[in-house]
Protein backbone atom coordinates (compact mmCIF):
# COMPACT_ATOMS: atom_id res chain seq x y z
CA MET A 1 34.52 -19.47 33.19
CA SER A 2 32.49 -18.94 30.22
CA SER A 3 30.91 -15.47 29.17
CA SER A 4 27.18 -17.01 30.00
CA SER A 5 28.43 -18.33 33.49
CA GLN A 6 29.97 -14.81 34.14
CA CYS A 7 26.00 -13.18 33.28
CA SER A 8 24.52 -15.51 35.41
CA ALA A 9 26.98 -15.62 38.39
CA VAL A 10 25.96 -11.69 38.61
CA LEU A 11 21.83 -11.83 37.80
CA PRO A 12 20.07 -14.81 36.68
CA GLU A 13 19.71 -15.22 32.70
CA GLU A 14 16.51 -14.54 32.38
CA LEU A 15 16.30 -11.09 34.25
CA MET A 16 19.37 -10.39 31.86
CA MET A 17 17.11 -10.79 29.37
CA GLU A 18 13.85 -9.21 30.87
CA ILE A 19 16.14 -5.92 31.48
CA LEU A 20 18.04 -6.12 28.05
CA SER A 21 15.00 -6.26 25.98
CA ARG A 22 14.50 -2.16 27.47
CA VAL A 23 17.87 -1.10 25.51
CA PRO A 24 17.90 0.42 22.52
CA VAL A 25 18.88 -1.18 19.58
CA LYS A 26 21.63 0.90 18.86
CA ASP A 27 23.35 0.08 21.92
CA LEU A 28 22.40 -3.66 21.77
CA MET A 29 24.47 -3.84 18.31
CA ARG A 30 27.28 -2.43 20.05
CA PHE A 31 26.95 -4.75 23.43
CA ARG A 32 27.13 -7.95 20.93
CA CYS A 33 31.55 -7.12 20.66
CA THR A 34 31.48 -7.71 24.87
CA SER A 35 30.78 -11.41 24.80
CA LYS A 36 29.50 -14.49 23.05
CA TRP A 37 26.81 -14.76 25.00
CA MET A 38 25.25 -11.11 24.11
CA SER A 39 25.98 -11.48 20.53
CA HIS A 40 24.23 -14.62 20.45
CA LEU A 41 21.22 -13.17 22.32
CA VAL A 42 21.07 -9.91 20.03
CA LEU A 43 19.94 -12.31 17.10
CA ASP A 44 18.36 -14.92 18.96
CA ARG A 45 14.66 -15.61 17.87
CA ALA A 46 13.02 -15.25 21.46
CA PHE A 47 14.71 -12.28 21.93
CA VAL A 48 13.89 -10.68 19.41
CA LYS A 49 10.39 -11.09 19.94
CA LEU A 50 10.83 -10.22 23.38
CA HIS A 51 12.76 -6.77 22.25
CA LEU A 52 9.80 -6.06 19.90
CA GLN A 53 7.08 -6.67 22.18
CA ARG A 54 8.44 -3.41 24.77
CA CYS A 55 9.86 -1.13 22.09
CA SER A 56 6.12 -1.25 19.59
CA LYS A 57 5.21 1.36 21.95
CA ASN A 58 7.77 3.87 20.73
CA THR A 59 6.95 4.60 17.38
CA ASN A 60 8.82 6.82 15.12
CA ILE A 61 7.67 7.49 11.35
CA LEU A 62 10.30 5.79 8.47
CA LEU A 63 10.63 8.34 5.99
CA THR A 64 11.61 6.91 2.16
CA ILE A 65 12.29 9.34 0.15
CA GLY A 66 13.30 9.18 -4.11
CA ASP A 67 15.21 12.28 -5.35
CA TYR A 68 14.99 12.87 -9.20
CA GLU A 69 18.93 13.15 -10.12
CA SER A 70 19.33 13.91 -14.05
CA ASN A 71 17.80 10.58 -15.78
CA GLU A 72 17.96 8.31 -12.62
CA THR A 73 16.38 8.40 -9.15
CA ILE A 74 17.93 8.31 -6.04
CA TYR A 75 16.06 6.44 -3.14
CA SER A 76 17.20 6.64 0.67
CA ALA A 77 15.29 6.34 3.81
CA THR A 78 15.60 8.10 7.45
CA SER A 79 13.84 7.74 10.75
CA CYS A 80 12.52 10.49 13.14
CA SER A 81 10.40 10.80 16.03
CA LEU A 82 6.92 12.00 15.34
CA GLN A 83 7.41 15.39 17.37
CA SER A 84 10.27 16.24 15.42
CA LEU A 85 8.51 15.47 12.05
CA LEU A 86 5.15 17.66 12.93
CA GLN A 87 7.83 20.81 14.52
CA ASN A 88 9.72 20.79 11.59
CA PRO A 89 9.52 18.72 8.48
CA SER A 90 12.00 19.88 6.41
CA SER A 91 14.87 19.44 8.80
CA THR A 92 14.26 15.62 8.67
CA ILE A 93 14.37 15.48 5.03
CA ASP A 94 17.88 13.92 4.70
CA TYR A 95 19.86 11.22 2.32
CA SER A 96 21.75 9.25 5.06
CA HIS A 97 21.23 6.52 3.69
CA ARG A 98 21.06 6.10 -0.32
CA PHE A 99 20.77 2.51 -1.82
CA ASN A 100 23.05 1.08 -4.01
CA HIS A 101 20.34 0.13 -6.36
CA ASN A 102 16.96 1.80 -7.49
CA TYR A 103 15.28 0.33 -4.96
CA ILE A 104 11.53 0.64 -4.30
CA VAL A 105 10.05 0.56 -0.94
CA LEU A 106 7.06 -1.95 -0.54
CA GLY A 107 6.19 -1.29 3.13
CA VAL A 108 7.41 -1.65 6.84
CA CYS A 109 6.47 -4.22 9.26
CA ASN A 110 7.53 -4.31 12.93
CA GLY A 111 10.97 -2.07 11.44
CA LEU A 112 11.28 -4.43 8.46
CA VAL A 113 12.11 -2.78 5.16
CA CYS A 114 11.17 -4.47 2.12
CA LEU A 115 12.86 -3.53 -1.07
CA GLN A 116 11.22 -4.29 -4.71
CA ASP A 117 14.15 -3.97 -7.49
CA SER A 118 13.06 -5.07 -11.29
CA HIS A 119 14.88 -5.79 -14.93
CA ARG A 120 12.59 -5.12 -17.81
CA GLY A 121 13.25 -7.21 -21.13
CA ASP A 122 11.40 -7.31 -24.24
CA ASP A 123 8.62 -8.83 -23.10
CA PHE A 124 8.66 -9.28 -20.01
CA GLU A 125 10.04 -7.80 -16.73
CA ASP A 126 11.77 -9.41 -13.61
CA PHE A 127 10.86 -8.60 -10.34
CA TRP A 128 12.97 -9.52 -6.93
CA VAL A 129 12.70 -8.18 -3.39
CA ARG A 130 15.24 -7.34 -0.43
CA PHE A 131 14.45 -7.11 3.09
CA TRP A 132 16.24 -4.51 5.41
CA ASN A 133 16.62 -3.76 9.21
CA PRO A 134 17.68 0.09 9.26
CA SER A 135 18.49 0.08 12.56
CA THR A 136 20.75 -3.09 12.81
CA ARG A 137 22.00 -1.97 9.46
CA LEU A 138 21.38 -6.12 8.47
CA MET A 139 19.79 -6.72 4.97
CA SER A 140 19.04 -10.08 2.96
CA GLU A 141 20.21 -11.47 -0.39
CA ASP A 142 17.98 -10.86 -3.39
CA SER A 143 14.89 -13.27 -3.74
CA PRO A 144 13.94 -15.41 -6.42
CA ARG A 145 12.86 -13.90 -9.03
CA VAL A 146 9.63 -14.04 -10.45
CA ARG A 147 8.83 -12.69 -14.05
CA ILE A 148 5.61 -10.86 -15.37
CA HIS A 149 4.87 -11.00 -18.75
CA SER A 150 4.06 -7.08 -20.68
CA ARG A 151 0.91 -7.71 -20.95
CA ASP A 152 -0.30 -8.43 -17.89
CA SER A 153 0.04 -5.74 -14.99
CA CYS A 154 0.96 -6.47 -11.65
CA ILE A 155 1.19 -5.00 -8.08
CA PHE A 156 2.85 -5.62 -4.65
CA GLY A 157 2.34 -5.38 -0.94
CA PHE A 158 4.35 -6.33 2.49
CA GLY A 159 2.97 -7.78 5.26
CA TYR A 160 3.24 -9.93 8.53
CA ASP A 161 1.41 -12.87 10.10
CA ASP A 162 2.12 -12.43 14.15
CA TRP A 163 0.78 -16.05 14.84
CA SER A 164 3.94 -17.32 12.46
CA ASP A 165 5.72 -14.51 12.65
CA THR A 166 6.42 -14.23 9.18
CA TYR A 167 6.95 -11.54 6.94
CA GLN A 168 5.58 -12.37 2.98
CA VAL A 169 5.90 -10.02 -0.01
CA VAL A 170 1.95 -10.60 -1.92
CA LEU A 171 2.46 -10.37 -5.53
CA LEU A 172 -1.13 -9.01 -7.52
CA ASN A 173 -1.05 -10.45 -10.93
CA ASN A 174 -3.38 -9.22 -13.21
CA LYS A 175 -3.67 -11.60 -16.69
CA SER A 176 -7.16 -10.92 -18.65
CA GLN A 177 -9.45 -11.82 -16.61
CA LYS A 178 -7.95 -13.71 -14.02
CA MET A 179 -5.88 -12.46 -11.06
CA GLU A 180 -3.16 -14.71 -9.54
CA VAL A 181 -2.15 -13.54 -6.04
CA SER A 182 1.25 -14.92 -5.17
CA VAL A 183 3.55 -14.66 -2.18
CA HIS A 184 7.25 -14.86 -0.90
CA SER A 185 7.59 -15.71 2.06
CA LEU A 186 11.15 -13.89 3.98
CA GLY A 187 13.49 -17.09 3.67
CA ASP A 188 12.09 -18.55 0.86
CA SER A 189 13.63 -20.32 -2.31
CA CYS A 190 10.54 -19.64 -3.98
CA TRP A 191 7.01 -17.70 -5.37
CA ARG A 192 3.88 -19.78 -4.15
CA ASN A 193 0.93 -19.09 -6.11
CA ILE A 194 -1.84 -18.66 -3.39
CA ILE A 195 -5.42 -18.63 -5.33
CA SER A 196 -7.11 -16.85 -8.88
CA CYS A 197 -9.89 -14.75 -8.80
CA ASP A 198 -11.76 -11.89 -10.52
CA ALA A 199 -9.04 -9.50 -12.75
CA LEU A 200 -8.64 -6.23 -10.27
CA ALA A 201 -8.61 -2.62 -11.70
CA THR A 202 -6.44 -1.40 -8.98
CA LEU A 203 -5.35 2.46 -7.72
CA SER A 204 -3.21 1.58 -4.83
CA LEU A 205 1.26 1.50 -5.58
CA TYR A 206 1.54 -0.64 -2.82
CA GLY A 207 -0.38 -2.23 -0.45
CA ALA A 208 -1.09 -1.20 2.45
CA CYS A 209 -0.50 -3.39 5.63
CA VAL A 210 -2.67 -3.08 8.80
CA CYS A 211 -4.09 -6.29 11.16
CA GLY A 212 -1.95 -8.67 9.35
CA THR A 213 -3.94 -7.85 6.37
CA VAL A 214 -2.33 -6.42 2.81
CA ASN A 215 -5.04 -3.98 1.42
CA TRP A 216 -5.53 -2.42 -1.77
CA LEU A 217 -7.95 -0.13 -3.05
CA THR A 218 -9.82 -1.03 -6.38
CA LEU A 219 -12.74 -1.57 -9.05
CA PRO A 220 -13.98 -4.72 -9.61
CA ARG A 221 -13.87 -4.89 -13.60
CA SER A 222 -17.99 -5.96 -13.35
CA SER A 223 -18.70 -2.95 -11.87
CA GLY A 224 -18.07 -0.34 -14.46
CA SER A 225 -15.51 0.80 -16.74
CA CYS A 226 -11.78 0.61 -15.99
CA LEU A 227 -11.26 3.92 -17.19
CA TRP A 228 -12.45 5.75 -14.68
CA LYS A 229 -15.68 7.54 -16.72
CA ASN A 230 -18.81 7.87 -14.03
CA VAL A 231 -17.41 5.72 -11.59
CA THR A 232 -18.20 6.95 -8.28
CA MET A 233 -16.70 6.03 -5.15
CA ASN A 234 -19.27 3.36 -3.51
CA GLU A 235 -18.40 1.04 -6.29
CA LEU A 236 -14.29 1.01 -5.30
CA LYS A 237 -13.87 -1.81 -3.23
CA ILE A 238 -10.94 -2.23 -0.52
CA PHE A 239 -9.17 -5.79 -1.69
CA SER A 240 -7.71 -6.93 1.13
CA TYR A 241 -5.21 -10.50 1.63
CA ASP A 242 -5.38 -12.18 5.05
CA VAL A 243 -1.82 -13.28 5.76
CA LYS A 244 -2.06 -15.88 8.13
CA ASN A 245 -5.39 -17.56 6.43
CA GLU A 246 -3.95 -17.05 2.97
CA LYS A 247 -7.42 -15.77 1.86
CA CYS A 248 -8.84 -12.84 0.13
CA ASN A 249 -11.83 -11.18 0.25
CA TYR A 250 -13.95 -6.83 -0.20
CA LEU A 251 -13.66 -4.21 2.59
CA SER A 252 -16.55 -2.04 2.21
CA MET A 253 -16.09 1.84 1.56
CA PRO A 254 -17.30 4.93 3.51
CA ASP A 255 -20.76 5.93 2.24
CA VAL A 256 -19.93 8.36 -0.19
CA HIS A 257 -22.23 9.54 -3.24
CA CYS A 258 -19.55 10.89 -5.79
CA GLU A 259 -17.73 10.36 -8.73
CA VAL A 260 -13.96 9.40 -8.15
CA PRO A 261 -12.03 12.19 -9.12
CA PRO A 262 -9.39 12.64 -11.44
CA ASP A 263 -6.49 12.27 -8.90
CA MET A 264 -7.54 9.00 -7.73
CA PRO A 265 -7.97 8.30 -3.97
CA VAL A 266 -5.72 6.89 -1.68
CA ILE A 267 -5.37 4.75 1.25
CA GLU A 268 -2.80 4.86 3.73
CA VAL A 269 -2.03 2.98 6.99
CA LEU A 270 -1.42 5.76 10.10
CA LYS A 271 -0.98 4.82 13.66
CA GLY A 272 -2.43 1.25 13.02
CA CYS A 273 -4.95 2.36 11.26
CA LEU A 274 -6.46 2.72 7.25
CA TYR A 275 -6.89 5.90 6.29
CA LEU A 276 -8.63 7.04 3.33
CA SER A 277 -8.20 10.27 1.62
CA HIS A 278 -10.23 11.46 -1.46
CA ARG A 279 -11.61 14.60 -2.62
CA GLN A 280 -15.61 15.64 -2.98
CA GLY A 281 -15.95 18.69 -4.97
CA THR A 282 -13.76 21.62 -3.78
CA ARG A 283 -13.23 19.59 -0.78
CA LEU A 284 -10.72 17.55 0.61
CA LEU A 285 -12.14 14.17 2.69
CA VAL A 286 -9.87 12.05 5.12
CA TRP A 287 -11.64 8.58 6.95
CA THR A 288 -10.12 6.27 9.33
CA MET A 289 -11.54 3.03 9.86
CA ARG A 290 -11.35 2.92 13.70
CA GLU A 291 -11.82 -0.51 13.95
CA PHE A 292 -10.44 -3.04 10.65
CA GLY A 293 -12.59 -4.66 8.66
CA VAL A 294 -15.67 -3.31 10.45
CA ALA A 295 -17.76 -0.95 8.17
CA LYS A 296 -19.57 0.76 9.97
CA SER A 297 -15.86 2.10 11.43
CA TRP A 298 -15.53 4.31 9.33
CA THR A 299 -14.77 8.10 11.21
CA PRO A 300 -14.63 10.96 9.61
CA LEU A 301 -11.13 12.59 10.47
CA LEU A 302 -11.01 15.94 8.18
CA ASN A 303 -13.17 17.92 5.77
CA ILE A 304 -11.73 21.18 4.43
CA ASN A 305 -12.85 23.16 1.97
CA TYR A 306 -9.78 23.94 -0.63
CA GLU A 307 -10.01 27.30 -1.08
CA ASP A 308 -8.91 27.61 2.67
CA LEU A 309 -5.46 26.35 1.53
CA ASP A 310 -5.92 28.07 -1.96
CA ASN A 311 -2.31 29.91 -1.51
CA HIS A 312 -0.78 26.94 -0.04
CA LEU A 313 -0.23 23.03 -0.54
CA LEU A 314 -2.93 22.63 -2.72
CA GLN A 315 -2.83 25.35 -5.11
CA GLY A 316 -2.61 23.54 -8.61
CA MET A 317 -1.75 20.67 -7.41
CA PRO A 318 -2.17 17.38 -9.73
CA THR A 319 -2.73 15.48 -6.89
CA ILE A 320 -4.45 15.40 -3.66
CA PRO A 321 -2.20 15.47 -0.83
CA VAL A 322 -1.36 12.64 1.50
CA ILE A 323 -0.95 12.39 5.01
CA MET A 324 2.66 12.00 6.34
CA CYS A 325 1.63 11.72 10.82
CA ILE A 326 -0.98 12.78 12.79
CA SER A 327 -0.37 13.86 16.40
CA GLU A 328 -1.58 11.64 19.54
CA ASN A 329 -4.87 13.64 19.70
CA ASP A 330 -5.54 13.32 16.02
CA ASN A 331 -5.52 17.29 16.12
CA VAL A 332 -2.88 18.31 13.84
CA LEU A 333 -1.82 16.66 10.92
CA LEU A 334 1.14 16.78 8.80
CA LEU A 335 -0.21 16.86 4.77
CA ARG A 336 2.34 16.87 2.02
CA SER A 337 2.01 16.67 -1.91
CA TYR A 338 2.58 13.32 -3.71
CA ASP A 339 5.52 14.65 -6.23
CA THR A 340 6.50 17.69 -4.98
CA THR A 341 8.54 19.41 -2.00
CA GLU A 342 5.63 21.25 -0.39
CA PHE A 343 4.44 20.17 3.73
CA ILE A 344 1.68 22.06 5.77
CA LEU A 345 0.57 21.71 9.02
CA TYR A 346 -3.17 21.86 9.67
CA ASN A 347 -4.49 21.96 12.84
CA LYS A 348 -7.94 20.22 12.74
CA LYS A 349 -9.62 21.19 15.86
CA ASP A 350 -9.00 26.05 15.40
CA ASN A 351 -9.24 24.73 11.73
CA ARG A 352 -5.91 26.76 10.51
CA ILE A 353 -2.84 26.53 8.67
CA ASP A 354 0.05 26.33 11.94
CA ARG A 355 2.88 26.50 9.06
CA TYR A 356 3.72 26.25 5.39
CA GLU A 357 6.96 24.83 4.02
CA ILE A 358 9.03 24.44 0.65
CA LEU A 359 12.22 23.01 0.17
CA ASN A 360 14.46 24.24 -2.58
CA ASP A 361 15.91 20.98 -3.42
CA ASN A 362 15.52 18.54 -6.11
CA GLU A 363 11.67 17.39 -6.97
CA PHE A 364 11.13 14.60 -4.75
CA TYR A 365 8.23 12.03 -3.87
CA CYS A 366 8.09 11.04 -0.18
CA PHE A 367 6.11 8.35 1.98
CA SER A 368 6.36 8.19 5.49
CA TYR A 369 5.17 4.92 7.33
CA ASP A 370 4.86 4.07 11.33
CA TYR A 371 7.97 2.67 12.32
CA VAL A 372 9.73 1.18 15.51
CA HIS A 373 13.34 0.33 15.90
CA SER A 374 13.43 -3.30 16.14
CA LEU A 375 16.05 -6.16 16.00
CA VAL A 376 14.01 -8.31 13.56
CA LEU A 377 16.68 -10.17 11.19
CA PRO A 378 16.17 -9.47 7.50
CA TYR A 379 16.83 -13.29 6.98
CA ARG A 380 15.88 -16.89 8.58
CA ASN A 381 18.23 -17.71 11.38
């Protein structure tokens, strides 16, 4: 009797799939060796999607760390629960998985991590990506390379279209007066040119993925100087690329009337929402877009005086602090500096600092992403 027949003799196959879709990824990967049926099921496209639907509510945090050692930057990644990160952030900073190459993390979608590497020539730079699932420890091969001339500037993002179940890397390539938008989809053998539009000056390091779009904080060059002198916050726009429809548009900023500070504003995605952090005079302001794409849904989340944190994270900082995670009730925020080993737990409800930590370690920078342990494959099967 075949393995599949043995399973079916005990329980109907549909019921087996329903039960197994609630089993943690780590256990399912171990179960693969029990039978051919199980080995096939765990990597089956339909079962992977079913399991993702079941586990999507169990959101964790993925920390990606760049650690400066000598003249090199060593990157690593680790996942943890929201509770453990809020309770003791320093204990979650480890180097359990170090990349063999100097990969940069472009983004995280449904448990799939997009890694980017590059090679610089005399008058060009070649870029390529890989897809990696930390939970299953499966990684794709290198994507085709895309070449960017040194006179041009480029920036990347990583997104997902749930309608077609497609993961895409999006490239914005500024060429003089024009910007080309190109994409590489997981499993494709090339990069595709999608659209061309007016060039933009970008503030974001990487695109923020939310609701099937990838978003960058930008200044349309027709709005003013690209040197940021005398540029106001309301002149900025969020350039948004729709992964499904392969179209671009602009999202409005909150109604803020002040100059763009020297430490640039930051957009990021937490708990499935877009967040904007910026400095206004002596205050740190954080906004959240409660309903994506709706300008009126921008809501203040945090408005705190820098002097209240004078002896802590913000003292002498060259950049504004960034939110690493937020408690379920939005009252407790974990902030970190961009390029130092400092963390601060701020209780918004009581307007107090609950804890401050600094790590006696090498300089590093740390990013956090919403993360689920999934079976999503880093290649097309």
